[in-house]
Amino acid sequence: MTQWRKEIQFKNSYYILTYIVPFLAIISFFSNERFLFSLTILLLLALGVNAHYMTYVSKKIIIPGEKFTKRLFIGDEANLLVPFENRGKIPIFRVKANLFLFDVDKSIEVIEEQGTKQHMTNYEYPFAISPFSRRTINMQGKALKRGTAELRTIELRVSDLFLFGHMKLYYEGPFRGELVVYPKPLPIKGFEQMVQQEKGDYFQPYSLHEEMLMRGNRQYVSEDPFNRINWKATAKTDQLQTKMYEKVIKSQWTFVLNIRNENRAHPTIENLEEVLSHVAYASHFATRHRISFELFINLRVPGSKYGLHISAGEGDKHLTRVLETLARIRKSNLSVPSDHLLSYVFKERITPPLILHFGAVSEAEEQEYRACMQRGGRVFYVNTEESEAVLSAVSNKERIS
């Protein structure tokens, strides 16, 4: 099945020629002029070969592969590689590839190479392909700011053999290329002090969120439960050995991000970029300290009236998912009311041990957070003050520094 939708455009000279050929055939037939007959045959062959070439090219030029995504930090460079294969027996000449980069946020700067032409977000690359070979177009880009850029549209302009016109091929296959630029982490003042009590895995005598970690064996005493006996160690020492455990706290943080602007003329908050950078910083921080965290965003998504939720997790894979989600948020995104989101945060769930709130704060959220504090939870606001983020506790809203 072809990957292309074909559209052929000819010059006026081609159409004039197609009208002339039948008249030449009639005249040569009645006049027995060999020259006219030979010219007619030659023109018919040229038109036939030209038409066959155009059809052949549309079937034999292929873009292998499917969608791929490259993830970048601001300042990184990456290549969007578009491979074209000629699976036919004849070469394909005079091809121009037009690549349209969908980049609403202008997050990527395309580095132009020699021979490349740019028209707004359309980049033109001329090339030719030998039989049974591959030619790869390299679109090199540099990450300027948070956002995404997607190679959505690929068009080919192929000139015919005799320059009577050209054929446009519009790609309709599965291949797509995408560049995702993560937000730049911006530090939050007071984070170091807060984390002293909230580090990843640490030992305490009691915790609501605890696990038992085996740390060795000791000699069995009569008060020890039977299921704590370590039979392997007993066999080695010829004495009953009991497993020793310690309780381990598994810290978990809950990030709540409110992007809703009270001014209905603007869908999202004005300092969206700074707020997302603070969330990115907190995410990196939690990952480095082996702290599990989840993320709630009052972003309108299909099939949910509460917003977007990324379940709790830890490690680099979880961090990648969070950062990619932050990169895809746009200023034009619609949101759901923040109280809808918080109703999901606290609905039939154990009170989160620690909540970090980013972005706008509504009265309904303040009430929910005060109730959460009464149930034993800890809540902090991350406020942007004069280009820096400051951490403040909900109970007294005093800065932590």
Foldseek 3Di string as FASTA:
>chain_A
DFQWDKDWDFDPVVVVLVVVLVVLCVCCVVVVDPVSVVVSVVSVVVVVVQVVVVVLQRRFKDWDDAEDEDEAEAFDKDKDKTKIFGQDQAKFAWKKKKWAKDFPPPQKDWDDDPQWDDDPRIIIHTDIGGHGDMDMDITMIGGHAFAKIKRDWMKMWGATPVRRTIMIITGRDRHMYMYGYFAAAADAPQPVVVCVVFFAKDFDQDDPAKDKDWDDKDADDPPDDPVQWDVVVCVVVVGTIGTDITIIHGGEEEEEEEQADPPPVWQGDPPLSLLSSNVLNVQVVCQVRNHWYKYFYQFDDPPDQQGDIDDTDYYDVSSVVSRRVSSHDDRRTHGHDNLSNVCVVPPPDDLRQEYEYTDDDDPSNLVSVVVSVVSNHWYWYFDQDPNHTFIATSVVRDTRD
